[in-house]
Amino acid sequence: VQLQASGGGLVQPGGSLRLSCAASGVTLDAYGVGWFRQVPGKEREAVACISKSGGPTDYADSVKGRFSIFRDNAKNTVYLQMNSLKPEDTAVYYCAASRTVILSNLRNVAAYAYWGQGTQVTVSS
């Protein structure tokens, strides 16, 4: 399983970005997918996750109402739409996939076997 994360960049507070997690070698809809972020000196944290096969989503409280995770199965890609960005959203963002992750464990970093490379998101004026 290979995951390619992209879409990061520099954006002003209040702006938007859309991150993409494209998969090769597998049908991504058969996997639970999570977006995680990490800043230096802190643990990697879950931002938004989506269950496999059109299942439910789960969001960190800090991003609820601002971020949205969704699939485009035709493109074998999971997106993270980030709106109303804040400086505290600045981090390296990673996507991850797991064939076996269950709904109650979606936000657990250890539940994911496959990881893409990170993409830097910087929110600054």
PDB file of N, CA and C in Angstrom:
ATOM      1  N   VAL A   1       0.853  -1.186   0.000  1.00  0.00           N
ATOM      2  CA  VAL A   1       0.000   0.000   0.000  1.00  0.00           C
ATOM      3  C   VAL A   1       0.886   1.233   0.000  1.00  0.00           C
ATOM      4  N   GLN A   2       0.675   2.090  -0.973  1.00  0.00           N
ATOM      5  CA  GLN A   2       1.426   3.342  -1.022  1.00  0.00           C
ATOM      6  C   GLN A   2       0.449   4.500  -0.965  1.00  0.00           C
ATOM      7  N   LEU A   3       0.724   5.431  -0.061  1.00  0.00           N
ATOM      8  CA  LEU A   3      -0.111   6.606   0.108  1.00  0.00           C
ATOM      9  C   LEU A   3       0.705   7.848  -0.228  1.00  0.00           C
ATOM     10  N   GLN A   4       0.105   8.727  -0.997  1.00  0.00           N
ATOM     11  CA  GLN A   4       0.769   9.969  -1.386  1.00  0.00           C
ATOM     12  C   GLN A   4      -0.063  11.140  -0.878  1.00  0.00           C
ATOM     13  N   ALA A   5       0.487  11.852   0.110  1.00  0.00           N
ATOM     14  CA  ALA A   5      -0.195  13.026   0.657  1.00  0.00           C
ATOM     15  C   ALA A   5       0.310  14.275  -0.044  1.00  0.00           C
ATOM     16  N   SER A   6      -0.603  15.186  -0.327  1.00  0.00           N
ATOM     17  CA  SER A   6      -0.216  16.426  -0.990  1.00  0.00           C
ATOM     18  C   SER A   6      -1.218  17.520  -0.652  1.00  0.00           C
ATOM     19  N   GLY A   7      -0.872  18.754  -1.028  1.00  0.00           N
ATOM     20  CA  GLY A   7      -1.805  19.860  -0.882  1.00  0.00           C
ATOM     21  C   GLY A   7      -1.461  20.857   0.208  1.00  0.00           C
ATOM     22  N   GLY A   8      -0.411  20.598   0.952  1.00  0.00           N
ATOM     23  CA  GLY A   8      -0.026  21.536   1.997  1.00  0.00           C
ATOM     24  C   GLY A   8       0.533  22.824   1.419  1.00  0.00           C
ATOM     25  N   GLY A   9       0.746  23.782   2.296  1.00  0.00           N
ATOM     26  CA  GLY A   9       1.285  25.049   1.855  1.00  0.00           C
ATOM     27  C   GLY A   9       1.154  26.105   2.931  1.00  0.00           C
ATOM     28  N   LEU A  10       1.406  27.333   2.513  1.00  0.00           N
ATOM     29  CA  LEU A  10       1.297  28.485   3.406  1.00  0.00           C
ATOM     30  C   LEU A  10      -0.024  29.193   3.132  1.00  0.00           C
ATOM     31  N   VAL A  11      -0.783  29.451   4.180  1.00  0.00           N
ATOM     32  CA  VAL A  11      -2.074  30.107   4.031  1.00  0.00           C
ATOM     33  C   VAL A  11      -2.265  31.085   5.184  1.00  0.00           C
ATOM     34  N   GLN A  12      -3.005  32.147   4.926  1.00  0.00           N
ATOM     35  CA  GLN A  12      -3.277  33.123   5.974  1.00  0.00           C
ATOM     36  C   GLN A  12      -4.371  32.615   6.910  1.00  0.00           C
ATOM     37  N   PRO A  13      -4.384  33.102   8.143  1.00  0.00           N
ATOM     38  CA  PRO A  13      -5.483  32.731   9.045  1.00  0.00           C
ATOM     39  C   PRO A  13      -6.832  33.033   8.410  1.00  0.00           C
ATOM     40  N   GLY A  14      -7.764  32.092   8.593  1.00  0.00           N
ATOM     41  CA  GLY A  14      -9.069  32.219   7.974  1.00  0.00           C
ATOM     42  C   GLY A  14      -9.166  31.609   6.595  1.00  0.00           C
ATOM     43  N   GLY A  15      -8.038  31.234   6.038  1.00  0.00           N
ATOM     44  CA  GLY A  15      -8.017  30.657   4.706  1.00  0.00           C
ATOM     45  C   GLY A  15      -8.342  29.179   4.686  1.00  0.00           C
ATOM     46  N   SER A  16      -8.247  28.600   3.492  1.00  0.00           N
ATOM     47  CA  SER A  16      -8.601  27.193   3.292  1.00  0.00           C
ATOM     48  C   SER A  16      -7.501  26.461   2.528  1.00  0.00           C
ATOM     49  N   LEU A  17      -7.437  25.179   2.773  1.00  0.00           N
ATOM     50  CA  LEU A  17      -6.580  24.271   2.014  1.00  0.00           C
ATOM     51  C   LEU A  17      -7.302  22.940   1.890  1.00  0.00           C
ATOM     52  N   ARG A  18      -6.977  22.219   0.836  1.00  0.00           N
ATOM     53  CA  ARG A  18      -7.487  20.858   0.680  1.00  0.00           C
ATOM     54  C   ARG A  18      -6.301  19.912   0.527  1.00  0.00           C
ATOM     55  N   LEU A  19      -6.196  18.982   1.441  1.00  0.00           N
ATOM     56  CA  LEU A  19      -5.158  17.964   1.378  1.00  0.00           C
ATOM     57  C   LEU A  19      -5.703  16.719   0.680  1.00  0.00           C
ATOM     58  N   SER A  20      -4.839  16.056  -0.048  1.00  0.00           N
ATOM     59  CA  SER A  20      -5.210  14.837  -0.759  1.00  0.00           C
ATOM     60  C   SER A  20      -4.351  13.679  -0.292  1.00  0.00           C
ATOM     61  N   CYS A  21      -4.975  12.511  -0.205  1.00  0.00           N
ATOM     62  CA  CYS A  21      -4.269  11.277   0.120  1.00  0.00           C
ATOM     63  C   CYS A  21      -4.644  10.267  -0.958  1.00  0.00           C
ATOM     64  N   ALA A  22      -3.745  10.085  -1.906  1.00  0.00           N
ATOM     65  CA  ALA A  22      -3.998   9.185  -3.019  1.00  0.00           C
ATOM     66  C   ALA A  22      -3.327   7.846  -2.764  1.00  0.00           C
ATOM     67  N   ALA A  23      -4.035   6.780  -3.093  1.00  0.00           N
ATOM     68  CA  ALA A  23      -3.517   5.439  -2.850  1.00  0.00           C
ATOM     69  C   ALA A  23      -3.195   4.739  -4.157  1.00  0.00           C
ATOM     70  N   SER A  24      -2.193   3.881  -4.097  1.00  0.00           N
ATOM     71  CA  SER A  24      -1.884   3.016  -5.230  1.00  0.00           C
ATOM     72  C   SER A  24      -1.700   1.598  -4.713  1.00  0.00           C
ATOM     73  N   GLY A  25      -2.118   0.668  -5.520  1.00  0.00           N
ATOM     74  CA  GLY A  25      -1.951  -0.724  -5.155  1.00  0.00           C
ATOM     75  C   GLY A  25      -3.123  -1.332  -4.415  1.00  0.00           C
ATOM     76  N   VAL A  26      -4.047  -0.509  -3.965  1.00  0.00           N
ATOM     77  CA  VAL A  26      -5.209  -1.001  -3.225  1.00  0.00           C
ATOM     78  C   VAL A  26      -6.415  -0.126  -3.558  1.00  0.00           C
ATOM     79  N   THR A  27      -7.597  -0.640  -3.214  1.00  0.00           N
ATOM     80  CA  THR A  27      -8.810   0.171  -3.302  1.00  0.00           C
ATOM     81  C   THR A  27      -9.005   0.838  -1.958  1.00  0.00           C
ATOM     82  N   LEU A  28      -8.829   2.139  -1.931  1.00  0.00           N
ATOM     83  CA  LEU A  28      -8.784   2.849  -0.655  1.00  0.00           C
ATOM     84  C   LEU A  28     -10.111   2.791   0.097  1.00  0.00           C
ATOM     85  N   ASP A  29     -11.208   2.605  -0.619  1.00  0.00           N
ATOM     86  CA  ASP A  29     -12.509   2.530   0.042  1.00  0.00           C
ATOM     87  C   ASP A  29     -12.615   1.334   0.980  1.00  0.00           C
ATOM     88  N   ALA A  30     -11.763   0.346   0.804  1.00  0.00           N
ATOM     89  CA  ALA A  30     -11.765  -0.827   1.678  1.00  0.00           C
ATOM     90  C   ALA A  30     -10.957  -0.602   2.952  1.00  0.00           C
ATOM     91  N   TYR A  31     -10.434   0.593   3.111  1.00  0.00           N
ATOM     92  CA  TYR A  31      -9.585   0.933   4.253  1.00  0.00           C
ATOM     93  C   TYR A  31     -10.170   2.105   5.032  1.00  0.00           C
ATOM     94  N   GLY A  32     -10.037   2.028   6.355  1.00  0.00           N
ATOM     95  CA  GLY A  32     -10.243   3.227   7.148  1.00  0.00           C
ATOM     96  C   GLY A  32      -9.053   4.153   6.919  1.00  0.00           C
ATOM     97  N   VAL A  33      -9.331   5.437   6.839  1.00  0.00           N
ATOM     98  CA  VAL A  33      -8.275   6.417   6.549  1.00  0.00           C
ATOM     99  C   VAL A  33      -8.334   7.527   7.580  1.00  0.00           C
ATOM    100  N   GLY A  34      -7.170   7.918   8.031  1.00  0.00           N
ATOM    101  CA  GLY A  34      -7.104   9.018   8.979  1.00  0.00           C
ATOM    102  C   GLY A  34      -6.115  10.073   8.543  1.00  0.00           C
ATOM    103  N   TRP A  35      -6.427  11.299   8.900  1.00  0.00           N
ATOM    104  CA  TRP A  35      -5.470  12.397   8.771  1.00  0.00           C
ATOM    105  C   TRP A  35      -4.973  12.731  10.174  1.00  0.00           C
ATOM    106  N   PHE A  36      -3.678  12.817  10.310  1.00  0.00           N
ATOM    107  CA  PHE A  36      -3.030  13.116  11.573  1.00  0.00           C
ATOM    108  C   PHE A  36      -2.099  14.301  11.380  1.00  0.00           C
ATOM    109  N   ARG A  37      -1.743  14.939  12.461  1.00  0.00           N
ATOM    110  CA  ARG A  37      -0.795  16.038  12.358  1.00  0.00           C
ATOM    111  C   ARG A  37       0.183  15.997  13.524  1.00  0.00           C
ATOM    112  N   GLN A  38       1.327  16.592  13.288  1.00  0.00           N
ATOM    113  CA  GLN A  38       2.378  16.580  14.308  1.00  0.00           C
ATOM    114  C   GLN A  38       3.196  17.858  14.225  1.00  0.00           C
ATOM    115  N   VAL A  39       3.467  18.416  15.393  1.00  0.00           N
ATOM    116  CA  VAL A  39       4.376  19.540  15.505  1.00  0.00           C
ATOM    117  C   VAL A  39       5.588  19.082  16.293  1.00  0.00           C
ATOM    118  N   PRO A  40       6.727  19.735  16.116  1.00  0.00           N
ATOM    119  CA  PRO A  40       7.944  19.308  16.821  1.00  0.00           C
ATOM    120  C   PRO A  40       7.733  19.274  18.327  1.00  0.00           C
ATOM    121  N   GLY A  41       8.175  18.189  18.940  1.00  0.00           N
ATOM    122  CA  GLY A  41       8.094  18.060  20.383  1.00  0.00           C
ATOM    123  C   GLY A  41       6.778  17.548  20.910  1.00  0.00           C
ATOM    124  N   LYS A  42       5.835  17.301  20.013  1.00  0.00           N
ATOM    125  CA  LYS A  42       4.524  16.794  20.442  1.00  0.00           C
ATOM    126  C   LYS A  42       4.222  15.479  19.745  1.00  0.00           C
ATOM    127  N   GLU A  43       3.296  14.741  20.343  1.00  0.00           N
ATOM    128  CA  GLU A  43       2.881  13.483  19.738  1.00  0.00           C
ATOM    129  C   GLU A  43       1.990  13.742  18.523  1.00  0.00           C
ATOM    130  N   ARG A  44       2.014  12.781  17.645  1.00  0.00           N
ATOM    131  CA  ARG A  44       1.131  12.850  16.488  1.00  0.00           C
ATOM    132  C   ARG A  44      -0.316  12.690  16.970  1.00  0.00           C
ATOM    133  N   GLU A  45      -1.204  13.537  16.449  1.00  0.00           N
ATOM    134  CA  GLU A  45      -2.595  13.505  16.894  1.00  0.00           C
ATOM    135  C   GLU A  45      -3.541  13.338  15.714  1.00  0.00           C
ATOM    136  N   ALA A  46      -4.654  12.695  15.992  1.00  0.00           N
ATOM    137  CA  ALA A  46      -5.666  12.511  14.955  1.00  0.00           C
ATOM    138  C   ALA A  46      -6.409  13.806  14.716  1.00  0.00           C
ATOM    139  N   VAL A  47      -6.681  14.077  13.469  1.00  0.00           N
ATOM    140  CA  VAL A  47      -7.432  15.279  13.076  1.00  0.00           C
ATOM    141  C   VAL A  47      -8.823  14.873  12.584  1.00  0.00           C
ATOM    142  N   ALA A  48      -8.858  13.983  11.622  1.00  0.00           N
ATOM    143  CA  ALA A  48     -10.126  13.538  11.041  1.00  0.00           C
ATOM    144  C   ALA A  48      -9.930  12.148  10.472  1.00  0.00           C
ATOM    145  N   CYS A  49     -10.927  11.311  10.646  1.00  0.00           N
ATOM    146  CA  CYS A  49     -10.832   9.927  10.206  1.00  0.00           C
ATOM    147  C   CYS A  49     -12.135   9.510   9.551  1.00  0.00           C
ATOM    148  N   ILE A  50     -12.043   8.551   8.640  1.00  0.00           N
ATOM    149  CA  ILE A  50     -13.231   8.057   7.959  1.00  0.00           C
ATOM    150  C   ILE A  50     -13.168   6.543   7.895  1.00  0.00           C
ATOM    151  N   SER A  51     -14.277   5.921   8.225  1.00  0.00           N
ATOM    152  CA  SER A  51     -14.346   4.457   8.204  1.00  0.00           C
ATOM    153  C   SER A  51     -14.349   3.961   6.761  1.00  0.00           C
ATOM    154  N   LYS A  52     -14.086   2.682   6.612  1.00  0.00           N
ATOM    155  CA  LYS A  52     -14.079   2.104   5.285  1.00  0.00           C
ATOM    156  C   LYS A  52     -15.496   1.976   4.739  1.00  0.00           C
ATOM    157  N   SER A  53     -15.554   1.839   3.414  1.00  0.00           N
ATOM    158  CA  SER A  53     -16.804   1.554   2.728  1.00  0.00           C
ATOM    159  C   SER A  53     -17.925   2.529   3.060  1.00  0.00           C
ATOM    160  N   GLY A  54     -17.605   3.812   3.027  1.00  0.00           N
ATOM    161  CA  GLY A  54     -18.632   4.819   3.236  1.00  0.00           C
ATOM    162  C   GLY A  54     -19.122   4.940   4.651  1.00  0.00           C
ATOM    163  N   GLY A  55     -18.359   4.439   5.591  1.00  0.00           N
ATOM    164  CA  GLY A  55     -18.753   4.501   6.990  1.00  0.00           C
ATOM    165  C   GLY A  55     -18.621   5.881   7.592  1.00  0.00           C
ATOM    166  N   PRO A  56     -18.900   5.970   8.891  1.00  0.00           N
ATOM    167  CA  PRO A  56     -18.915   7.275   9.539  1.00  0.00           C
ATOM    168  C   PRO A  56     -17.531   7.909   9.669  1.00  0.00           C
ATOM    169  N   THR A  57     -17.567   9.193  10.029  1.00  0.00           N
ATOM    170  CA  THR A  57     -16.357   9.966  10.225  1.00  0.00           C
ATOM    171  C   THR A  57     -16.200  10.327  11.697  1.00  0.00           C
ATOM    172  N   ASP A  58     -15.016  10.767  12.036  1.00  0.00           N
ATOM    173  CA  ASP A  58     -14.721  11.161  13.411  1.00  0.00           C
ATOM    174  C   ASP A  58     -13.722  12.302  13.351  1.00  0.00           C
ATOM    175  N   TYR A  59     -13.954  13.338  14.169  1.00  0.00           N
ATOM    176  CA  TYR A  59     -13.114  14.524  14.138  1.00  0.00           C
ATOM    177  C   TYR A  59     -12.606  14.874  15.525  1.00  0.00           C
ATOM    178  N   ALA A  60     -11.411  15.426  15.556  1.00  0.00           N
ATOM    179  CA  ALA A  60     -10.931  16.016  16.792  1.00  0.00           C
ATOM    180  C   ALA A  60     -11.798  17.224  17.127  1.00  0.00           C
ATOM    181  N   ASP A  61     -12.019  17.462  18.406  1.00  0.00           N
ATOM    182  CA  ASP A  61     -12.862  18.588  18.810  1.00  0.00           C
ATOM    183  C   ASP A  61     -12.336  19.911  18.267  1.00  0.00           C
ATOM    184  N   SER A  62     -11.031  20.021  18.159  1.00  0.00           N
ATOM    185  CA  SER A  62     -10.420  21.288  17.745  1.00  0.00           C
ATOM    186  C   SER A  62     -10.702  21.644  16.291  1.00  0.00           C
ATOM    187  N   VAL A  63     -11.161  20.682  15.502  1.00  0.00           N
ATOM    188  CA  VAL A  63     -11.389  20.962  14.072  1.00  0.00           C
ATOM    189  C   VAL A  63     -12.842  20.774  13.656  1.00  0.00           C
ATOM    190  N   LYS A  64     -13.693  20.343  14.572  1.00  0.00           N
ATOM    191  CA  LYS A  64     -15.100  20.128  14.227  1.00  0.00           C
ATOM    192  C   LYS A  64     -15.732  21.414  13.714  1.00  0.00           C
ATOM    193  N   GLY A  65     -16.463  21.287  12.624  1.00  0.00           N
ATOM    194  CA  GLY A  65     -17.097  22.443  12.019  1.00  0.00           C
ATOM    195  C   GLY A  65     -16.198  23.218  11.069  1.00  0.00           C
ATOM    196  N   ARG A  66     -14.904  22.910  11.071  1.00  0.00           N
ATOM    197  CA  ARG A  66     -13.969  23.602  10.166  1.00  0.00           C
ATOM    198  C   ARG A  66     -13.367  22.664   9.128  1.00  0.00           C
ATOM    199  N   PHE A  67     -13.123  21.431   9.512  1.00  0.00           N
ATOM    200  CA  PHE A  67     -12.499  20.446   8.628  1.00  0.00           C
ATOM    201  C   PHE A  67     -13.522  19.404   8.208  1.00  0.00           C
ATOM    202  N   SER A  68     -13.305  18.862   7.020  1.00  0.00           N
ATOM    203  CA  SER A  68     -14.187  17.812   6.521  1.00  0.00           C
ATOM    204  C   SER A  68     -13.356  16.756   5.796  1.00  0.00           C
ATOM    205  N   ILE A  69     -13.582  15.500   6.118  1.00  0.00           N
ATOM    206  CA  ILE A  69     -12.889  14.404   5.450  1.00  0.00           C
ATOM    207  C   ILE A  69     -13.887  13.676   4.563  1.00  0.00           C
ATOM    208  N   PHE A  70     -13.484  13.385   3.345  1.00  0.00           N
ATOM    209  CA  PHE A  70     -14.388  12.704   2.430  1.00  0.00           C
ATOM    210  C   PHE A  70     -13.599  11.944   1.376  1.00  0.00           C
ATOM    211  N   ARG A  71     -14.292  11.020   0.721  1.00  0.00           N
ATOM    212  CA  ARG A  71     -13.659  10.167  -0.288  1.00  0.00           C
ATOM    213  C   ARG A  71     -14.110  10.543  -1.702  1.00  0.00           C
ATOM    214  N   ASP A  72     -13.225  10.315  -2.651  1.00  0.00           N
ATOM    215  CA  ASP A  72     -13.587  10.277  -4.061  1.00  0.00           C
ATOM    216  C   ASP A  72     -13.118   8.918  -4.551  1.00  0.00           C
ATOM    217  N   ASN A  73     -14.013   7.962  -4.570  1.00  0.00           N
ATOM    218  CA  ASN A  73     -13.614   6.592  -4.907  1.00  0.00           C
ATOM    219  C   ASN A  73     -13.158   6.471  -6.361  1.00  0.00           C
ATOM    220  N   ALA A  74     -13.687   7.295  -7.226  1.00  0.00           N
ATOM    221  CA  ALA A  74     -13.264   7.255  -8.630  1.00  0.00           C
ATOM    222  C   ALA A  74     -11.785   7.609  -8.768  1.00  0.00           C
ATOM    223  N   LYS A  75     -11.306   8.445  -7.857  1.00  0.00           N
ATOM    224  CA  LYS A  75      -9.895   8.845  -7.883  1.00  0.00           C
ATOM    225  C   LYS A  75      -9.068   8.095  -6.844  1.00  0.00           C
ATOM    226  N   ASN A  76      -9.719   7.186  -6.111  1.00  0.00           N
ATOM    227  CA  ASN A  76      -9.013   6.406  -5.087  1.00  0.00           C
ATOM    228  C   ASN A  76      -8.276   7.332  -4.116  1.00  0.00           C
ATOM    229  N   THR A  77      -8.972   8.363  -3.695  1.00  0.00           N
ATOM    230  CA  THR A  77      -8.350   9.424  -2.909  1.00  0.00           C
ATOM    231  C   THR A  77      -9.266   9.817  -1.754  1.00  0.00           C
ATOM    232  N   VAL A  78      -8.645  10.155  -0.630  1.00  0.00           N
ATOM    233  CA  VAL A  78      -9.359  10.738   0.510  1.00  0.00           C
ATOM    234  C   VAL A  78      -8.848  12.164   0.677  1.00  0.00           C
ATOM    235  N   TYR A  79      -9.779  13.075   0.880  1.00  0.00           N
ATOM    236  CA  TYR A  79      -9.445  14.483   1.001  1.00  0.00           C
ATOM    237  C   TYR A  79      -9.692  14.981   2.428  1.00  0.00           C
ATOM    238  N   LEU A  80      -8.945  16.016   2.790  1.00  0.00           N
ATOM    239  CA  LEU A  80      -9.219  16.755   4.010  1.00  0.00           C
ATOM    240  C   LEU A  80      -9.390  18.215   3.622  1.00  0.00           C
ATOM    241  N   GLN A  81     -10.631  18.673   3.665  1.00  0.00           N
ATOM    242  CA  GLN A  81     -10.923  20.072   3.394  1.00  0.00           C
ATOM    243  C   GLN A  81     -10.794  20.843   4.695  1.00  0.00           C
ATOM    244  N   MET A  82      -9.921  21.822   4.697  1.00  0.00           N
ATOM    245  CA  MET A  82      -9.651  22.592   5.906  1.00  0.00           C
ATOM    246  C   MET A  82     -10.052  24.046   5.663  1.00  0.00           C
ATOM    247  N   ASN A  83     -11.036  24.509   6.403  1.00  0.00           N
ATOM    248  CA  ASN A  83     -11.515  25.880   6.300  1.00  0.00           C
ATOM    249  C   ASN A  83     -11.270  26.621   7.605  1.00  0.00           C
ATOM    250  N   SER A  84     -11.360  27.925   7.539  1.00  0.00           N
ATOM    251  CA  SER A  84     -11.188  28.773   8.728  1.00  0.00           C
ATOM    252  C   SER A  84      -9.919  28.387   9.488  1.00  0.00           C
ATOM    253  N   LEU A  85      -8.847  28.270   8.759  1.00  0.00           N
ATOM    254  CA  LEU A  85      -7.601  27.806   9.360  1.00  0.00           C
ATOM    255  C   LEU A  85      -7.073  28.798  10.382  1.00  0.00           C
ATOM    256  N   LYS A  86      -6.459  28.244  11.414  1.00  0.00           N
ATOM    257  CA  LYS A  86      -5.901  29.033  12.512  1.00  0.00           C
ATOM    258  C   LYS A  86      -4.399  28.757  12.616  1.00  0.00           C
ATOM    259  N   PRO A  87      -3.646  29.665  13.196  1.00  0.00           N
ATOM    260  CA  PRO A  87      -2.202  29.419  13.358  1.00  0.00           C
ATOM    261  C   PRO A  87      -1.910  28.113  14.089  1.00  0.00           C
ATOM    262  N   GLU A  88      -2.763  27.732  15.008  1.00  0.00           N
ATOM    263  CA  GLU A  88      -2.527  26.491  15.749  1.00  0.00           C
ATOM    264  C   GLU A  88      -2.767  25.238  14.912  1.00  0.00           C
ATOM    265  N   ASP A  89      -3.250  25.393  13.702  1.00  0.00           N
ATOM    266  CA  ASP A  89      -3.367  24.256  12.783  1.00  0.00           C
ATOM    267  C   ASP A  89      -2.037  23.965  12.073  1.00  0.00           C
ATOM    268  N   THR A  90      -1.077  24.832  12.272  1.00  0.00           N
ATOM    269  CA  THR A  90       0.232  24.633  11.646  1.00  0.00           C
ATOM    270  C   THR A  90       0.861  23.340  12.129  1.00  0.00           C
ATOM    271  N   ALA A  91       1.244  22.482  11.192  1.00  0.00           N
ATOM    272  CA  ALA A  91       1.802  21.166  11.529  1.00  0.00           C
ATOM    273  C   ALA A  91       2.177  20.461  10.234  1.00  0.00           C
ATOM    274  N   VAL A  92       2.850  19.341  10.396  1.00  0.00           N
ATOM    275  CA  VAL A  92       2.998  18.403   9.282  1.00  0.00           C
ATOM    276  C   VAL A  92       1.815  17.444   9.350  1.00  0.00           C
ATOM    277  N   TYR A  93       1.124  17.322   8.243  1.00  0.00           N
ATOM    278  CA  TYR A  93      -0.069  16.477   8.174  1.00  0.00           C
ATOM    279  C   TYR A  93       0.268  15.178   7.446  1.00  0.00           C
ATOM    280  N   TYR A  94      -0.198  14.071   8.012  1.00  0.00           N
ATOM    281  CA  TYR A  94       0.031  12.747   7.455  1.00  0.00           C
ATOM    282  C   TYR A  94      -1.311  12.055   7.221  1.00  0.00           C
ATOM    283  N   CYS A  95      -1.379  11.279   6.160  1.00  0.00           N
ATOM    284  CA  CYS A  95      -2.527  10.398   6.021  1.00  0.00           C
ATOM    285  C   CYS A  95      -2.084   8.961   6.293  1.00  0.00           C
ATOM    286  N   ALA A  96      -3.025   8.166   6.765  1.00  0.00           N
ATOM    287  CA  ALA A  96      -2.734   6.783   7.111  1.00  0.00           C
ATOM    288  C   ALA A  96      -3.932   5.919   6.772  1.00  0.00           C
ATOM    289  N   ALA A  97      -3.691   4.651   6.555  1.00  0.00           N
ATOM    290  CA  ALA A  97      -4.766   3.738   6.185  1.00  0.00           C
ATOM    291  C   ALA A  97      -4.626   2.427   6.936  1.00  0.00           C
ATOM    292  N   SER A  98      -5.779   1.836   7.183  1.00  0.00           N
ATOM    293  CA  SER A  98      -5.810   0.536   7.835  1.00  0.00           C
ATOM    294  C   SER A  98      -6.997  -0.257   7.321  1.00  0.00           C
ATOM    295  N   ARG A  99      -6.760  -1.513   7.029  1.00  0.00           N
ATOM    296  CA  ARG A  99      -7.844  -2.368   6.569  1.00  0.00           C
ATOM    297  C   ARG A  99      -8.688  -2.867   7.744  1.00  0.00           C
ATOM    298  N   THR A 100      -8.111  -2.837   8.957  1.00  0.00           N
ATOM    299  CA  THR A 100      -8.767  -3.476  10.092  1.00  0.00           C
ATOM    300  C   THR A 100      -9.242  -2.518  11.178  1.00  0.00           C
ATOM    301  N   VAL A 101      -8.968  -1.230  11.029  1.00  0.00           N
ATOM    302  CA  VAL A 101      -9.330  -0.303  12.100  1.00  0.00           C
ATOM    303  C   VAL A 101     -10.837  -0.269  12.265  1.00  0.00           C
ATOM    304  N   ILE A 102     -11.283  -0.269  13.524  1.00  0.00           N
ATOM    305  CA  ILE A 102     -12.713  -0.221  13.801  1.00  0.00           C
ATOM    306  C   ILE A 102     -13.107   1.190  14.219  1.00  0.00           C
ATOM    307  N   LEU A 103     -14.401   1.441  14.188  1.00  0.00           N
ATOM    308  CA  LEU A 103     -14.904   2.795  14.401  1.00  0.00           C
ATOM    309  C   LEU A 103     -14.411   3.385  15.720  1.00  0.00           C
ATOM    310  N   SER A 104     -14.441   2.595  16.770  1.00  0.00           N
ATOM    311  CA  SER A 104     -14.079   3.119  18.090  1.00  0.00           C
ATOM    312  C   SER A 104     -12.589   3.401  18.220  1.00  0.00           C
ATOM    313  N   ASN A 105     -11.811   2.967  17.246  1.00  0.00           N
ATOM    314  CA  ASN A 105     -10.353   3.097  17.319  1.00  0.00           C
ATOM    315  C   ASN A 105      -9.789   3.976  16.210  1.00  0.00           C
ATOM    316  N   LEU A 106     -10.666   4.700  15.529  1.00  0.00           N
ATOM    317  CA  LEU A 106     -10.240   5.452  14.353  1.00  0.00           C
ATOM    318  C   LEU A 106      -9.141   6.466  14.667  1.00  0.00           C
ATOM    319  N   ARG A 107      -9.160   7.049  15.864  1.00  0.00           N
ATOM    320  CA  ARG A 107      -8.210   8.122  16.168  1.00  0.00           C
ATOM    321  C   ARG A 107      -6.901   7.593  16.750  1.00  0.00           C
ATOM    322  N   ASN A 108      -6.753   6.298  16.828  1.00  0.00           N
ATOM    323  CA  ASN A 108      -5.560   5.703  17.450  1.00  0.00           C
ATOM    324  C   ASN A 108      -4.448   5.572  16.411  1.00  0.00           C
ATOM    325  N   VAL A 109      -3.368   6.282  16.623  1.00  0.00           N
ATOM    326  CA  VAL A 109      -2.236   6.245  15.692  1.00  0.00           C
ATOM    327  C   VAL A 109      -1.764   4.808  15.464  1.00  0.00           C
ATOM    328  N   ALA A 110      -1.742   4.035  16.524  1.00  0.00           N
ATOM    329  CA  ALA A 110      -1.211   2.678  16.450  1.00  0.00           C
ATOM    330  C   ALA A 110      -2.097   1.738  15.645  1.00  0.00           C
ATOM    331  N   ALA A 111      -3.301   2.157  15.331  1.00  0.00           N
ATOM    332  CA  ALA A 111      -4.222   1.295  14.592  1.00  0.00           C
ATOM    333  C   ALA A 111      -3.950   1.288  13.092  1.00  0.00           C
ATOM    334  N   TYR A 112      -3.055   2.146  12.637  1.00  0.00           N
ATOM    335  CA  TYR A 112      -2.819   2.313  11.208  1.00  0.00           C
ATOM    336  C   TYR A 112      -1.479   1.715  10.785  1.00  0.00           C
ATOM    337  N   ALA A 113      -1.528   0.866   9.755  1.00  0.00           N
ATOM    338  CA  ALA A 113      -0.329   0.170   9.302  1.00  0.00           C
ATOM    339  C   ALA A 113       0.403   0.914   8.185  1.00  0.00           C
ATOM    340  N   TYR A 114      -0.325   1.720   7.460  1.00  0.00           N
ATOM    341  CA  TYR A 114       0.254   2.351   6.267  1.00  0.00           C
ATOM    342  C   TYR A 114       0.178   3.861   6.400  1.00  0.00           C
ATOM    343  N   TRP A 115       1.307   4.497   6.096  1.00  0.00           N
ATOM    344  CA  TRP A 115       1.419   5.942   6.252  1.00  0.00           C
ATOM    345  C   TRP A 115       1.984   6.575   4.991  1.00  0.00           C
ATOM    346  N   GLY A 116       1.455   7.734   4.661  1.00  0.00           N
ATOM    347  CA  GLY A 116       2.043   8.527   3.600  1.00  0.00           C
ATOM    348  C   GLY A 116       3.116   9.437   4.178  1.00  0.00           C
ATOM    349  N   GLN A 117       3.833  10.099   3.271  1.00  0.00           N
ATOM    350  CA  GLN A 117       4.804  11.081   3.738  1.00  0.00           C
ATOM    351  C   GLN A 117       4.035  12.321   4.195  1.00  0.00           C
ATOM    352  N   GLY A 118       4.602  13.135   4.994  1.00  0.00           N
ATOM    353  CA  GLY A 118       3.905  14.303   5.509  1.00  0.00           C
ATOM    354  C   GLY A 118       3.859  15.435   4.504  1.00  0.00           C
ATOM    355  N   THR A 119       2.894  16.313   4.724  1.00  0.00           N
ATOM    356  CA  THR A 119       2.812  17.542   3.951  1.00  0.00           C
ATOM    357  C   THR A 119       2.668  18.700   4.926  1.00  0.00           C
ATOM    358  N   GLN A 120       3.478  19.719   4.741  1.00  0.00           N
ATOM    359  CA  GLN A 120       3.533  20.830   5.698  1.00  0.00           C
ATOM    360  C   GLN A 120       2.380  21.795   5.451  1.00  0.00           C
ATOM    361  N   VAL A 121       1.687  22.138   6.526  1.00  0.00           N
ATOM    362  CA  VAL A 121       0.666  23.177   6.504  1.00  0.00           C
ATOM    363  C   VAL A 121       1.107  24.278   7.456  1.00  0.00           C
ATOM    364  N   THR A 122       1.219  25.477   6.947  1.00  0.00           N
ATOM    365  CA  THR A 122       1.619  26.621   7.758  1.00  0.00           C
ATOM    366  C   THR A 122       0.549  27.699   7.639  1.00  0.00           C
ATOM    367  N   VAL A 123       0.007  28.089   8.788  1.00  0.00           N
ATOM    368  CA  VAL A 123      -1.023  29.130   8.826  1.00  0.00           C
ATOM    369  C   VAL A 123      -0.413  30.350   9.499  1.00  0.00           C
ATOM    370  N   SER A 124      -0.196  31.364   8.715  1.00  0.00           N
ATOM    371  CA  SER A 124       0.500  32.542   9.231  1.00  0.00           C
ATOM    372  C   SER A 124       0.197  33.748   8.364  1.00  0.00           C
ATOM    373  N   SER A 125       0.163  34.902   8.997  1.00  0.00           N
ATOM    374  CA  SER A 125      -0.021  36.145   8.241  1.00  0.00           C
ATOM    375  C   SER A 125       1.324  36.758   7.891  1.00  0.00           C
TER     376      SER A 125
END
